[in-house]
Protein backbone atom coordinates (compact mmCIF):
# COMPACT_ATOMS: atom_id res chain seq x y z
CA MET A 1 0.00 0.00 0.00
CA LYS A 2 2.91 2.34 0.77
CA LYS A 3 4.29 1.68 -2.70
CA LEU A 4 0.92 2.38 -4.27
CA LEU A 5 0.60 5.70 -2.42
CA ALA A 6 4.15 6.64 -3.35
CA LEU A 7 3.43 5.88 -7.02
CA LEU A 8 0.20 7.85 -6.89
CA ALA A 9 1.97 10.84 -5.29
CA LEU A 10 4.70 10.67 -7.92
CA ALA A 11 2.10 10.60 -10.68
CA LEU A 12 0.31 13.64 -9.24
CA VAL A 13 3.57 15.61 -9.00
CA SER A 14 4.37 14.74 -12.61
CA VAL A 15 0.96 15.95 -13.80
CA ALA A 16 1.21 19.15 -11.73
CA THR A 17 4.53 20.08 -13.33
CA LEU A 18 3.40 19.64 -16.94
CA PRO A 19 3.65 22.94 -18.88
CA VAL A 20 0.37 24.70 -19.48
CA GLN A 21 -0.30 25.71 -23.07
CA ALA A 22 -1.32 29.43 -23.31
CA ALA A 23 -3.38 30.62 -26.21
CA THR A 24 -3.67 34.20 -27.54
CA ALA A 25 -5.80 35.96 -30.04
CA THR A 26 -5.29 39.44 -31.51
CA GLY A 27 -7.48 41.91 -33.28
CA GLN A 28 -7.28 45.49 -34.51
CA PHE A 29 -9.55 48.52 -34.12
CA ASP A 30 -9.47 52.17 -35.24
CA VAL A 31 -9.50 55.26 -33.04
CA SER A 32 -11.67 57.99 -34.57
CA ILE A 33 -11.06 61.64 -33.58
CA SER A 34 -13.15 64.64 -34.55
CA LEU A 35 -11.27 67.96 -34.09
CA THR A 36 -12.90 71.37 -34.39
CA GLY A 37 -10.37 74.02 -35.38
CA THR A 38 -10.58 77.31 -33.49
CA CYS A 39 -8.76 80.54 -32.70
CA LYS A 40 -8.38 82.34 -29.39
CA TYR A 41 -7.82 86.11 -28.87
CA ALA A 42 -5.96 87.64 -25.92
CA LYS A 43 -5.44 91.40 -25.44
CA THR A 44 -2.07 92.45 -24.09
CA SER A 45 -2.48 96.27 -24.20
CA ASP A 46 -4.81 99.07 -25.35
CA VAL A 47 -3.95 101.82 -27.84
CA ALA A 48 -3.28 105.14 -26.04
CA PHE A 49 -2.77 108.67 -27.37
CA THR A 50 -1.61 111.92 -25.78
CA TYR A 51 -2.56 114.93 -27.89
CA THR A 52 -2.37 118.70 -27.40
CA SER A 53 -5.17 120.66 -29.01
CA LEU A 54 -4.11 122.27 -32.32
CA GLN A 55 -0.62 120.77 -32.27
CA THR A 56 1.17 121.28 -35.59
CA THR A 57 2.38 117.71 -36.12
CA ALA A 58 0.56 114.43 -36.32
CA GLN A 59 0.68 112.34 -33.15
CA ALA A 60 1.45 108.66 -33.18
CA GLN A 61 0.08 106.51 -30.40
CA THR A 62 1.98 106.71 -27.12
CA THR A 63 1.20 103.02 -26.48
CA SER A 64 0.59 100.49 -29.23
CA GLY A 65 -2.29 98.11 -28.77
CA GLY A 66 -1.21 94.53 -28.48
CA PHE A 67 -2.88 91.17 -28.78
CA THR A 68 -2.17 87.55 -29.59
CA VAL A 69 -4.05 85.05 -31.72
CA GLN A 70 -3.66 81.35 -31.02
CA CYS A 71 -5.13 79.00 -33.61
CA THR A 72 -5.21 75.31 -34.35
CA LYS A 73 -2.15 74.20 -36.34
CA ASP A 74 -2.54 74.74 -40.13
CA LEU A 75 -5.77 76.75 -39.68
CA VAL A 76 -5.65 79.85 -41.90
CA TYR A 77 -7.11 83.02 -40.36
CA THR A 78 -7.52 86.71 -41.25
CA LEU A 79 -7.71 89.82 -39.07
CA ALA A 80 -9.82 92.95 -39.60
CA LEU A 81 -10.76 96.03 -37.59
CA ASP A 82 -14.36 97.28 -37.55
CA SER A 83 -13.10 100.71 -38.58
CA THR A 84 -9.67 102.17 -39.31
CA SER A 85 -10.81 105.84 -39.31
CA VAL A 86 -12.73 107.06 -36.28
CA THR A 87 -13.70 110.39 -34.71
CA ASP A 88 -13.98 109.96 -30.96
CA ALA A 89 -17.39 111.03 -29.68
CA ALA A 90 -16.13 112.49 -26.39
CA VAL A 91 -13.07 114.53 -27.37
CA ASP A 92 -13.94 115.03 -31.08
CA LEU A 93 -10.52 113.99 -32.38
CA ALA A 94 -10.18 111.95 -35.58
CA TYR A 95 -7.67 109.13 -35.60
CA THR A 96 -6.63 106.21 -37.79
CA LEU A 97 -5.67 102.69 -36.77
CA ALA A 98 -3.63 99.98 -38.50
CA LEU A 99 -2.83 96.33 -37.80
CA SER A 100 0.70 94.94 -37.96
CA GLY A 101 -0.60 91.99 -40.00
CA THR A 102 -3.74 90.78 -41.74
CA GLY A 103 -3.59 87.14 -40.67
CA ALA A 104 -1.53 83.97 -40.88
CA THR A 105 -1.67 80.21 -40.52
CA GLY A 106 -2.09 78.86 -37.01
CA ASN A 107 0.83 77.00 -35.49
CA GLY A 108 -0.70 76.12 -32.12
CA ALA A 109 1.22 78.92 -30.35
CA ALA A 110 0.17 82.49 -29.59
CA GLN A 111 1.11 84.78 -32.50
CA ALA A 112 1.63 88.45 -31.54
CA TYR A 113 0.21 91.50 -33.34
CA THR A 114 0.09 95.25 -32.69
CA VAL A 115 -2.39 98.01 -33.42
CA THR A 116 -0.85 101.39 -34.18
CA GLY A 117 -2.57 104.72 -34.64
CA THR A 118 -2.19 108.36 -35.60
CA ILE A 119 -4.08 111.56 -34.76
CA ALA A 120 -3.76 114.15 -37.54
CA ALA A 121 -2.31 117.60 -36.79
CA ASP A 122 -4.28 120.82 -36.28
CA GLN A 123 -7.37 119.35 -34.64
CA ALA A 124 -9.06 121.45 -31.96
CA GLY A 125 -10.83 118.61 -30.19
CA LYS A 126 -13.43 119.21 -27.48
CA CYS A 127 -12.66 119.81 -23.79
CA ALA A 128 -14.57 122.02 -21.31
CA THR A 129 -11.91 121.82 -18.58
CA VAL A 130 -10.03 125.13 -18.50
CA GLY A 131 -6.29 124.52 -18.37
CA GLY A 132 -6.92 120.82 -17.72
CA ALA A 133 -6.97 117.61 -19.63
CA CYS A 134 -9.97 115.69 -20.88
CA THR A 135 -10.18 112.00 -21.62
CA ASN A 136 -12.50 109.87 -23.69
CA SER A 137 -13.29 107.56 -20.76
CA ALA A 138 -17.03 108.12 -21.25
CA SER A 139 -16.92 108.01 -25.05
CA THR A 140 -19.64 105.96 -26.69
CA ASN A 141 -17.36 104.84 -29.52
CA LYS A 142 -13.96 104.27 -27.89
CA THR A 143 -14.24 100.47 -28.09
CA ARG A 144 -13.04 98.97 -31.35
CA THR A 145 -13.72 95.44 -32.55
CA LEU A 146 -11.17 93.05 -34.03
CA THR A 147 -12.62 90.21 -36.11
CA ILE A 148 -10.72 86.96 -36.56
CA THR A 149 -12.09 84.93 -39.45
CA TYR A 150 -11.11 81.28 -39.80
């Protein structure tokens, strides 16, 4: 009986140490992505002028306006101002504006642009403060609009 149990134990150990056959199967699938191209605007500074009534020379802006446009890579975009010639409603001074560029192709990074301006010479303007300075802070048309088309 001892021999029979020893043989049986030996047989079980032999079966337990047999290699197990692993099986695998593979398959493929696609990943579908839908991307909507877009552009993002960020202002970095406003255009600012300092002008003396009836000065004899044109006045360039004292601070250029600045902004960045960040667009999806390879997305073509254009830039336009709502108006490039404006007469301010509060101080009655005419000025012109210009963009440093009219657009580009997006590269995924912020692309910088400037807005420059000029006030023509010999304008009287409008200011009721004797010996003081007036601003256009309450002007109804001081805000300009930049349009990015893509």
